PDB file of N, CA and C in Angstrom:
ATOM      1  N   MET A   1      28.207 -49.530  23.852  1.00  0.00           N
ATOM      2  CA  MET A   1      27.035 -48.704  23.627  1.00  0.00           C
ATOM      3  C   MET A   1      26.295 -48.636  24.993  1.00  0.00           C
ATOM      4  N   ASP A   2      25.996 -47.343  25.349  1.00  0.00           N
ATOM      5  CA  ASP A   2      25.380 -47.198  26.658  1.00  0.00           C
ATOM      6  C   ASP A   2      23.805 -47.399  26.436  1.00  0.00           C
ATOM      7  N   ILE A   3      23.131 -47.513  27.654  1.00  0.00           N
ATOM      8  CA  ILE A   3      21.671 -47.926  27.517  1.00  0.00           C
ATOM      9  C   ILE A   3      20.859 -46.897  26.868  1.00  0.00           C
ATOM     10  N   SER A   4      21.177 -45.556  27.009  1.00  0.00           N
ATOM     11  CA  SER A   4      20.406 -44.546  26.373  1.00  0.00           C
ATOM     12  C   SER A   4      20.590 -44.634  24.841  1.00  0.00           C
ATOM     13  N   ALA A   5      21.782 -44.793  24.243  1.00  0.00           N
ATOM     14  CA  ALA A   5      21.963 -44.946  22.901  1.00  0.00           C
ATOM     15  C   ALA A   5      21.289 -46.308  22.316  1.00  0.00           C
ATOM     16  N   ARG A   6      21.228 -47.232  23.125  1.00  0.00           N
ATOM     17  CA  ARG A   6      20.556 -48.513  22.662  1.00  0.00           C
ATOM     18  C   ARG A   6      19.109 -48.287  22.590  1.00  0.00           C
ATOM     19  N   ARG A   7      18.552 -47.565  23.541  1.00  0.00           N
ATOM     20  CA  ARG A   7      17.197 -47.286  23.607  1.00  0.00           C
ATOM     21  C   ARG A   7      16.736 -46.424  22.366  1.00  0.00           C
ATOM     22  N   GLU A   8      17.605 -45.416  22.058  1.00  0.00           N
ATOM     23  CA  GLU A   8      17.309 -44.573  20.907  1.00  0.00           C
ATOM     24  C   GLU A   8      17.386 -45.396  19.592  1.00  0.00           C
ATOM     25  N   ASP A   9      18.313 -46.358  19.460  1.00  0.00           N
ATOM     26  CA  ASP A   9      18.302 -47.221  18.330  1.00  0.00           C
ATOM     27  C   ASP A   9      17.012 -48.055  18.192  1.00  0.00           C
ATOM     28  N   LEU A  10      16.562 -48.582  19.315  1.00  0.00           N
ATOM     29  CA  LEU A  10      15.334 -49.349  19.250  1.00  0.00           C
ATOM     30  C   LEU A  10      14.117 -48.477  18.897  1.00  0.00           C
ATOM     31  N   ILE A  11      14.089 -47.286  19.439  1.00  0.00           N
ATOM     32  CA  ILE A  11      12.998 -46.349  19.033  1.00  0.00           C
ATOM     33  C   ILE A  11      13.013 -46.062  17.539  1.00  0.00           C
ATOM     34  N   ARG A  12      14.147 -45.770  17.017  1.00  0.00           N
ATOM     35  CA  ARG A  12      14.368 -45.530  15.632  1.00  0.00           C
ATOM     36  C   ARG A  12      13.921 -46.862  14.730  1.00  0.00           C
ATOM     37  N   ALA A  13      14.344 -47.830  15.237  1.00  0.00           N
ATOM     38  CA  ALA A  13      13.938 -49.114  14.462  1.00  0.00           C
ATOM     39  C   ALA A  13      12.461 -49.384  14.497  1.00  0.00           C
ATOM     40  N   LEU A  14      11.823 -49.210  15.688  1.00  0.00           N
ATOM     41  CA  LEU A  14      10.346 -49.380  15.709  1.00  0.00           C
ATOM     42  C   LEU A  14       9.653 -48.391  14.866  1.00  0.00           C
ATOM     43  N   GLN A  15      10.126 -47.039  14.825  1.00  0.00           N
ATOM     44  CA  GLN A  15       9.497 -46.048  13.975  1.00  0.00           C
ATOM     45  C   GLN A  15       9.605 -46.460  12.514  1.00  0.00           C
ATOM     46  N   GLU A  16      10.646 -47.162  12.106  1.00  0.00           N
ATOM     47  CA  GLU A  16      10.825 -47.578  10.758  1.00  0.00           C
ATOM     48  C   GLU A  16       9.958 -48.738  10.347  1.00  0.00           C
ATOM     49  N   GLN A  17       9.600 -49.583  11.428  1.00  0.00           N
ATOM     50  CA  GLN A  17       8.930 -50.830  11.160  1.00  0.00           C
ATOM     51  C   GLN A  17       7.422 -50.780  11.420  1.00  0.00           C
ATOM     52  N   HIS A  18       6.996 -49.831  12.128  1.00  0.00           N
ATOM     53  CA  HIS A  18       5.581 -49.759  12.703  1.00  0.00           C
ATOM     54  C   HIS A  18       5.039 -48.286  12.389  1.00  0.00           C
ATOM     55  N   ALA A  19       3.753 -48.275  12.255  1.00  0.00           N
ATOM     56  CA  ALA A  19       3.052 -47.006  12.063  1.00  0.00           C
ATOM     57  C   ALA A  19       2.666 -46.648  13.382  1.00  0.00           C
ATOM     58  N   PHE A  20       2.962 -45.378  13.811  1.00  0.00           N
ATOM     59  CA  PHE A  20       2.420 -44.786  15.120  1.00  0.00           C
ATOM     60  C   PHE A  20       1.740 -43.630  14.791  1.00  0.00           C
ATOM     61  N   PRO A  21       0.591 -43.301  15.528  1.00  0.00           N
ATOM     62  CA  PRO A  21      -0.119 -44.208  16.472  1.00  0.00           C
ATOM     63  C   PRO A  21      -0.647 -45.372  15.746  1.00  0.00           C
ATOM     64  N   GLY A  22      -0.748 -46.486  16.496  1.00  0.00           N
ATOM     65  CA  GLY A  22      -1.361 -47.752  15.986  1.00  0.00           C
ATOM     66  C   GLY A  22      -1.171 -48.914  16.939  1.00  0.00           C
ATOM     67  N   MET A  23      -1.550 -50.006  16.471  1.00  0.00           N
ATOM     68  CA  MET A  23      -1.428 -51.308  17.209  1.00  0.00           C
ATOM     69  C   MET A  23      -0.102 -51.816  17.186  1.00  0.00           C
ATOM     70  N   PHE A  24       0.454 -52.281  18.324  1.00  0.00           N
ATOM     71  CA  PHE A  24       1.778 -52.727  18.408  1.00  0.00           C
ATOM     72  C   PHE A  24       1.806 -54.134  18.952  1.00  0.00           C
ATOM     73  N   PRO A  25       2.336 -55.103  18.288  1.00  0.00           N
ATOM     74  CA  PRO A  25       2.334 -56.507  18.913  1.00  0.00           C
ATOM     75  C   PRO A  25       3.354 -56.834  19.786  1.00  0.00           C
ATOM     76  N   ILE A  26       3.075 -57.445  20.902  1.00  0.00           N
ATOM     77  CA  ILE A  26       4.066 -58.053  21.937  1.00  0.00           C
ATOM     78  C   ILE A  26       3.675 -59.508  22.096  1.00  0.00           C
ATOM     79  N   VAL A  27       4.641 -60.302  21.992  1.00  0.00           N
ATOM     80  CA  VAL A  27       4.417 -61.829  22.325  1.00  0.00           C
ATOM     81  C   VAL A  27       4.985 -62.212  23.644  1.00  0.00           C
ATOM     82  N   LEU A  28       4.212 -62.839  24.483  1.00  0.00           N
ATOM     83  CA  LEU A  28       4.701 -63.306  25.775  1.00  0.00           C
ATOM     84  C   LEU A  28       4.443 -64.757  25.882  1.00  0.00           C
ATOM     85  N   ILE A  29       5.469 -65.387  26.416  1.00  0.00           N
ATOM     86  CA  ILE A  29       5.309 -66.854  26.721  1.00  0.00           C
ATOM     87  C   ILE A  29       5.220 -66.982  28.214  1.00  0.00           C
ATOM     88  N   ALA A  30       4.248 -67.724  28.574  1.00  0.00           N
ATOM     89  CA  ALA A  30       4.057 -68.060  30.079  1.00  0.00           C
ATOM     90  C   ALA A  30       3.514 -69.413  30.242  1.00  0.00           C
ATOM     91  N   ARG A  31       3.613 -69.847  31.530  1.00  0.00           N
ATOM     92  CA  ARG A  31       2.998 -71.140  31.821  1.00  0.00           C
ATOM     93  C   ARG A  31       1.475 -71.129  31.614  1.00  0.00           C
ATOM     94  N   SER A  32       0.950 -72.254  31.260  1.00  0.00           N
ATOM     95  CA  SER A  32      -0.539 -72.283  31.091  1.00  0.00           C
ATOM     96  C   SER A  32      -1.214 -72.143  32.547  1.00  0.00           C
ATOM     97  N   ASP A  33      -1.787 -71.049  32.754  1.00  0.00           N
ATOM     98  CA  ASP A  33      -2.315 -70.697  34.096  1.00  0.00           C
ATOM     99  C   ASP A  33      -3.432 -69.680  34.002  1.00  0.00           C
ATOM    100  N   LEU A  34      -4.633 -69.964  34.572  1.00  0.00           N
ATOM    101  CA  LEU A  34      -5.684 -69.029  34.523  1.00  0.00           C
ATOM    102  C   LEU A  34      -5.415 -67.771  35.325  1.00  0.00           C
ATOM    103  N   ALA A  35      -4.647 -67.946  36.299  1.00  0.00           N
ATOM    104  CA  ALA A  35      -4.267 -66.734  37.156  1.00  0.00           C
ATOM    105  C   ALA A  35      -3.431 -65.711  36.314  1.00  0.00           C
ATOM    106  N   PHE A  36      -2.476 -66.361  35.506  1.00  0.00           N
ATOM    107  CA  PHE A  36      -1.675 -65.474  34.727  1.00  0.00           C
ATOM    108  C   PHE A  36      -2.536 -64.631  33.683  1.00  0.00           C
ATOM    109  N   THR A  37      -3.427 -65.371  33.135  1.00  0.00           N
ATOM    110  CA  THR A  37      -4.274 -64.796  32.139  1.00  0.00           C
ATOM    111  C   THR A  37      -5.143 -63.673  32.771  1.00  0.00           C
ATOM    112  N   ALA A  38      -5.581 -63.825  33.968  1.00  0.00           N
ATOM    113  CA  ALA A  38      -6.241 -62.753  34.697  1.00  0.00           C
ATOM    114  C   ALA A  38      -5.375 -61.575  35.094  1.00  0.00           C
ATOM    115  N   ARG A  39      -4.130 -61.823  35.381  1.00  0.00           N
ATOM    116  CA  ARG A  39      -3.094 -60.787  35.755  1.00  0.00           C
ATOM    117  C   ARG A  39      -2.774 -60.005  34.520  1.00  0.00           C
ATOM    118  N   LEU A  40      -2.584 -60.713  33.331  1.00  0.00           N
ATOM    119  CA  LEU A  40      -2.401 -60.050  32.130  1.00  0.00           C
ATOM    120  C   LEU A  40      -3.391 -59.087  31.659  1.00  0.00           C
ATOM    121  N   HIS A  41      -4.702 -59.561  31.712  1.00  0.00           N
ATOM    122  CA  HIS A  41      -5.858 -58.607  31.324  1.00  0.00           C
ATOM    123  C   HIS A  41      -5.999 -57.512  32.348  1.00  0.00           C
ATOM    124  N   ALA A  42      -5.752 -57.662  33.600  1.00  0.00           N
ATOM    125  CA  ALA A  42      -5.737 -56.529  34.639  1.00  0.00           C
ATOM    126  C   ALA A  42      -4.666 -55.604  34.374  1.00  0.00           C
ATOM    127  N   ALA A  43      -3.493 -56.086  33.992  1.00  0.00           N
ATOM    128  CA  ALA A  43      -2.402 -55.165  33.680  1.00  0.00           C
ATOM    129  C   ALA A  43      -2.569 -54.472  32.550  1.00  0.00           C
ATOM    130  N   LEU A  44      -3.145 -55.006  31.455  1.00  0.00           N
ATOM    131  CA  LEU A  44      -3.400 -54.279  30.297  1.00  0.00           C
ATOM    132  C   LEU A  44      -4.505 -53.261  30.399  1.00  0.00           C
ATOM    133  N   GLU A  45      -5.537 -53.557  31.154  1.00  0.00           N
ATOM    134  CA  GLU A  45      -6.524 -52.491  31.451  1.00  0.00           C
ATOM    135  C   GLU A  45      -5.987 -51.338  32.157  1.00  0.00           C
ATOM    136  N   TYR A  46      -5.120 -51.696  33.114  1.00  0.00           N
ATOM    137  CA  TYR A  46      -4.407 -50.494  33.908  1.00  0.00           C
ATOM    138  C   TYR A  46      -3.500 -49.728  32.977  1.00  0.00           C
ATOM    139  N   ALA A  47      -2.587 -50.383  32.288  1.00  0.00           N
ATOM    140  CA  ALA A  47      -1.650 -49.671  31.411  1.00  0.00           C
ATOM    141  C   ALA A  47      -2.307 -48.953  30.324  1.00  0.00           C
ATOM    142  N   GLN A  48      -3.234 -49.562  29.727  1.00  0.00           N
ATOM    143  CA  GLN A  48      -3.804 -48.899  28.444  1.00  0.00           C
ATOM    144  C   GLN A  48      -4.781 -47.756  28.856  1.00  0.00           C
ATOM    145  N   GLU A  49      -5.187 -47.583  29.965  1.00  0.00           N
ATOM    146  CA  GLU A  49      -6.124 -46.587  30.476  1.00  0.00           C
ATOM    147  C   GLU A  49      -7.267 -46.317  29.476  1.00  0.00           C
ATOM    148  N   GLY A  50      -7.887 -47.356  28.988  1.00  0.00           N
ATOM    149  CA  GLY A  50      -9.030 -47.241  28.086  1.00  0.00           C
ATOM    150  C   GLY A  50      -8.691 -47.304  26.675  1.00  0.00           C
ATOM    151  N   ALA A  51      -7.340 -47.318  26.340  1.00  0.00           N
ATOM    152  CA  ALA A  51      -7.020 -47.452  24.844  1.00  0.00           C
ATOM    153  C   ALA A  51      -7.146 -48.953  24.612  1.00  0.00           C
ATOM    154  N   ARG A  52      -7.346 -49.221  23.311  1.00  0.00           N
ATOM    155  CA  ARG A  52      -7.627 -50.614  22.798  1.00  0.00           C
ATOM    156  C   ARG A  52      -6.527 -51.581  23.021  1.00  0.00           C
ATOM    157  N   PHE A  53      -6.776 -52.886  23.217  1.00  0.00           N
ATOM    158  CA  PHE A  53      -5.899 -53.910  23.212  1.00  0.00           C
ATOM    159  C   PHE A  53      -6.560 -55.191  22.836  1.00  0.00           C
ATOM    160  N   GLU A  54      -5.814 -56.114  22.371  1.00  0.00           N
ATOM    161  CA  GLU A  54      -6.326 -57.468  21.955  1.00  0.00           C
ATOM    162  C   GLU A  54      -5.481 -58.451  22.513  1.00  0.00           C
ATOM    163  N   VAL A  55      -5.894 -59.555  22.960  1.00  0.00           N
ATOM    164  CA  VAL A  55      -5.025 -60.666  23.342  1.00  0.00           C
ATOM    165  C   VAL A  55      -5.538 -61.984  22.663  1.00  0.00           C
ATOM    166  N   THR A  56      -4.627 -62.685  22.028  1.00  0.00           N
ATOM    167  CA  THR A  56      -4.960 -64.111  21.524  1.00  0.00           C
ATOM    168  C   THR A  56      -3.888 -65.003  22.174  1.00  0.00           C
ATOM    169  N   GLU A  57      -4.447 -66.253  22.453  1.00  0.00           N
ATOM    170  CA  GLU A  57      -3.723 -67.300  23.121  1.00  0.00           C
ATOM    171  C   GLU A  57      -3.532 -68.420  22.247  1.00  0.00           C
ATOM    172  N   ARG A  58      -2.304 -69.045  22.362  1.00  0.00           N
ATOM    173  CA  ARG A  58      -2.029 -70.252  21.547  1.00  0.00           C
ATOM    174  C   ARG A  58      -1.258 -71.231  22.494  1.00  0.00           C
ATOM    175  N   PRO A  59      -1.965 -72.201  22.920  1.00  0.00           N
ATOM    176  CA  PRO A  59      -1.262 -73.242  23.900  1.00  0.00           C
ATOM    177  C   PRO A  59      -0.254 -74.038  23.185  1.00  0.00           C
ATOM    178  N   SER A  60       0.785 -74.450  23.998  1.00  0.00           N
ATOM    179  CA  SER A  60       1.693 -75.395  23.365  1.00  0.00           C
ATOM    180  C   SER A  60       1.111 -76.752  23.139  1.00  0.00           C
ATOM    181  N   SER A  61       1.820 -77.667  22.453  1.00  0.00           N
ATOM    182  CA  SER A  61       1.208 -78.970  22.107  1.00  0.00           C
ATOM    183  C   SER A  61       0.888 -79.739  23.328  1.00  0.00           C
ATOM    184  N   ARG A  62       1.616 -79.568  24.333  1.00  0.00           N
ATOM    185  CA  ARG A  62       1.283 -80.255  25.700  1.00  0.00           C
ATOM    186  C   ARG A  62       0.407 -79.468  26.747  1.00  0.00           C
ATOM    187  N   ASN A  63       0.066 -78.372  26.208  1.00  0.00           N
ATOM    188  CA  ASN A  63      -0.671 -77.361  27.086  1.00  0.00           C
ATOM    189  C   ASN A  63       0.041 -76.948  28.310  1.00  0.00           C
ATOM    190  N   THR A  64       1.380 -77.011  28.351  1.00  0.00           N
ATOM    191  CA  THR A  64       2.248 -76.604  29.382  1.00  0.00           C
ATOM    192  C   THR A  64       2.405 -75.032  29.433  1.00  0.00           C
ATOM    193  N   TYR A  65       2.656 -74.461  28.238  1.00  0.00           N
ATOM    194  CA  TYR A  65       2.844 -72.963  27.979  1.00  0.00           C
ATOM    195  C   TYR A  65       1.869 -72.533  27.112  1.00  0.00           C
ATOM    196  N   VAL A  66       1.683 -71.246  27.203  1.00  0.00           N
ATOM    197  CA  VAL A  66       0.774 -70.453  26.377  1.00  0.00           C
ATOM    198  C   VAL A  66       1.624 -69.239  25.687  1.00  0.00           C
ATOM    199  N   SER A  67       1.466 -69.098  24.381  1.00  0.00           N
ATOM    200  CA  SER A  67       1.956 -67.948  23.737  1.00  0.00           C
ATOM    201  C   SER A  67       0.806 -66.895  23.628  1.00  0.00           C
ATOM    202  N   TYR A  68       1.003 -65.760  24.229  1.00  0.00           N
ATOM    203  CA  TYR A  68       0.014 -64.721  24.223  1.00  0.00           C
ATOM    204  C   TYR A  68       0.554 -63.662  23.295  1.00  0.00           C
ATOM    205  N   THR A  69      -0.239 -63.427  22.205  1.00  0.00           N
ATOM    206  CA  THR A  69      -0.025 -62.307  21.302  1.00  0.00           C
ATOM    207  C   THR A  69      -0.885 -61.133  21.796  1.00  0.00           C
ATOM    208  N   VAL A  70      -0.284 -60.024  22.235  1.00  0.00           N
ATOM    209  CA  VAL A  70      -0.952 -58.859  22.741  1.00  0.00           C
ATOM    210  C   VAL A  70      -0.706 -57.771  21.800  1.00  0.00           C
ATOM    211  N   ARG A  71      -1.700 -57.241  21.332  1.00  0.00           N
ATOM    212  CA  ARG A  71      -1.730 -56.023  20.461  1.00  0.00           C
ATOM    213  C   ARG A  71      -2.236 -54.805  21.221  1.00  0.00           C
ATOM    214  N   VAL A  72      -1.398 -53.800  21.420  1.00  0.00           N
ATOM    215  CA  VAL A  72      -1.752 -52.657  22.244  1.00  0.00           C
ATOM    216  C   VAL A  72      -1.822 -51.435  21.350  1.00  0.00           C
ATOM    217  N   HIS A  73      -2.805 -50.510  21.406  1.00  0.00           N
ATOM    218  CA  HIS A  73      -2.802 -49.311  20.712  1.00  0.00           C
ATOM    219  C   HIS A  73      -2.001 -48.350  21.530  1.00  0.00           C
ATOM    220  N   VAL A  74      -0.910 -47.835  20.766  1.00  0.00           N
ATOM    221  CA  VAL A  74       0.068 -46.844  21.387  1.00  0.00           C
ATOM    222  C   VAL A  74       0.159 -45.693  20.473  1.00  0.00           C
ATOM    223  N   GLU A  75       0.484 -44.603  21.077  1.00  0.00           N
ATOM    224  CA  GLU A  75       0.697 -43.412  20.286  1.00  0.00           C
ATOM    225  C   GLU A  75       2.168 -43.226  19.767  1.00  0.00           C
ATOM    226  N   THR A  76       3.120 -43.764  20.467  1.00  0.00           N
ATOM    227  CA  THR A  76       4.495 -43.576  20.044  1.00  0.00           C
ATOM    228  C   THR A  76       5.342 -44.825  20.206  1.00  0.00           C
ATOM    229  N   ALA A  77       6.552 -44.860  19.650  1.00  0.00           N
ATOM    230  CA  ALA A  77       7.474 -45.880  19.801  1.00  0.00           C
ATOM    231  C   ALA A  77       7.885 -45.985  21.212  1.00  0.00           C
ATOM    232  N   GLU A  78       8.075 -44.856  21.932  1.00  0.00           N
ATOM    233  CA  GLU A  78       8.536 -44.822  23.215  1.00  0.00           C
ATOM    234  C   GLU A  78       7.485 -45.589  24.145  1.00  0.00           C
ATOM    235  N   ILE A  79       6.265 -45.276  23.909  1.00  0.00           N
ATOM    236  CA  ILE A  79       5.190 -45.974  24.721  1.00  0.00           C
ATOM    237  C   ILE A  79       5.158 -47.464  24.390  1.00  0.00           C
ATOM    238  N   ALA A  80       5.370 -47.794  23.144  1.00  0.00           N
ATOM    239  CA  ALA A  80       5.445 -49.197  22.759  1.00  0.00           C
ATOM    240  C   ALA A  80       6.590 -49.957  23.585  1.00  0.00           C
ATOM    241  N   LEU A  81       7.726 -49.345  23.732  1.00  0.00           N
ATOM    242  CA  LEU A  81       8.798 -49.916  24.475  1.00  0.00           C
ATOM    243  C   LEU A  81       8.387 -50.059  26.030  1.00  0.00           C
ATOM    244  N   GLU A  82       7.778 -49.041  26.477  1.00  0.00           N
ATOM    245  CA  GLU A  82       7.264 -49.020  27.840  1.00  0.00           C
ATOM    246  C   GLU A  82       6.296 -50.023  28.108  1.00  0.00           C
ATOM    247  N   ARG A  83       5.431 -50.324  27.161  1.00  0.00           N
ATOM    248  CA  ARG A  83       4.335 -51.358  27.304  1.00  0.00           C
ATOM    249  C   ARG A  83       5.026 -52.761  27.372  1.00  0.00           C
ATOM    250  N   LYS A  84       5.956 -52.917  26.505  1.00  0.00           N
ATOM    251  CA  LYS A  84       6.744 -54.156  26.332  1.00  0.00           C
ATOM    252  C   LYS A  84       7.418 -54.480  27.690  1.00  0.00           C
ATOM    253  N   ALA A  85       8.109 -53.424  28.261  1.00  0.00           N
ATOM    254  CA  ALA A  85       8.832 -53.643  29.540  1.00  0.00           C
ATOM    255  C   ALA A  85       7.889 -53.904  30.663  1.00  0.00           C
ATOM    256  N   PHE A  86       6.719 -53.312  30.635  1.00  0.00           N
ATOM    257  CA  PHE A  86       5.788 -53.385  31.736  1.00  0.00           C
ATOM    258  C   PHE A  86       5.238 -54.839  31.670  1.00  0.00           C
ATOM    259  N   LEU A  87       4.937 -55.300  30.512  1.00  0.00           N
ATOM    260  CA  LEU A  87       4.336 -56.701  30.434  1.00  0.00           C
ATOM    261  C   LEU A  87       5.336 -57.708  30.699  1.00  0.00           C
ATOM    262  N   SER A  88       6.583 -57.437  30.291  1.00  0.00           N
ATOM    263  CA  SER A  88       7.693 -58.374  30.482  1.00  0.00           C
ATOM    264  C   SER A  88       7.946 -58.633  31.921  1.00  0.00           C
ATOM    265  N   ALA A  89       7.693 -57.698  32.822  1.00  0.00           N
ATOM    266  CA  ALA A  89       7.847 -57.704  34.305  1.00  0.00           C
ATOM    267  C   ALA A  89       6.726 -58.456  34.958  1.00  0.00           C
ATOM    268  N   LEU A  90       5.724 -58.784  34.355  1.00  0.00           N
ATOM    269  CA  LEU A  90       4.610 -59.549  34.992  1.00  0.00           C
ATOM    270  C   LEU A  90       5.187 -60.834  35.497  1.00  0.00           C
ATOM    271  N   ASP A  91       4.653 -61.135  36.755  1.00  0.00           N
ATOM    272  CA  ASP A  91       4.994 -62.502  37.380  1.00  0.00           C
ATOM    273  C   ASP A  91       4.348 -63.550  36.472  1.00  0.00           C
ATOM    274  N   GLY A  92       5.217 -64.518  36.018  1.00  0.00           N
ATOM    275  CA  GLY A  92       4.817 -65.614  35.250  1.00  0.00           C
ATOM    276  C   GLY A  92       5.327 -65.558  33.840  1.00  0.00           C
ATOM    277  N   VAL A  93       5.806 -64.386  33.441  1.00  0.00           N
ATOM    278  CA  VAL A  93       6.279 -64.311  32.019  1.00  0.00           C
ATOM    279  C   VAL A  93       7.692 -65.054  31.980  1.00  0.00           C
ATOM    280  N   ILE A  94       7.814 -65.944  31.003  1.00  0.00           N
ATOM    281  CA  ILE A  94       9.010 -66.609  30.807  1.00  0.00           C
ATOM    282  C   ILE A  94       9.951 -65.968  29.745  1.00  0.00           C
ATOM    283  N   MET A  95       9.232 -65.466  28.743  1.00  0.00           N
ATOM    284  CA  MET A  95       9.939 -64.837  27.645  1.00  0.00           C
ATOM    285  C   MET A  95       9.147 -63.762  26.896  1.00  0.00           C
ATOM    286  N   THR A  96       9.724 -62.713  26.402  1.00  0.00           N
ATOM    287  CA  THR A  96       9.053 -61.790  25.702  1.00  0.00           C
ATOM    288  C   THR A  96       9.668 -61.580  24.269  1.00  0.00           C
ATOM    289  N   LEU A  97       8.855 -61.583  23.192  1.00  0.00           N
ATOM    290  CA  LEU A  97       9.342 -61.412  21.837  1.00  0.00           C
ATOM    291  C   LEU A  97       8.939 -60.134  21.328  1.00  0.00           C
TER     292      LEU A  97
END
């Protein structure tokens, strides 16, 4: 399956599972680091261009990692995929769910 077909499958699946426009959840795992938290918020303000977003943090039991649940308001499934890719590329992200 080529990348374009896979992307179309992802978009179709997102459209079936989420209501657009609306809030879309993205979970990021990163090291526990105040600098990362600041980068994440700056990146969200830039990407969302005034659209709403929410961030909740849940530290690991040893406080080594943090799970960030990010909810972004997006208009379409395509934009949801773009936001997820954009946040995944942030320096410090270990995993994206």
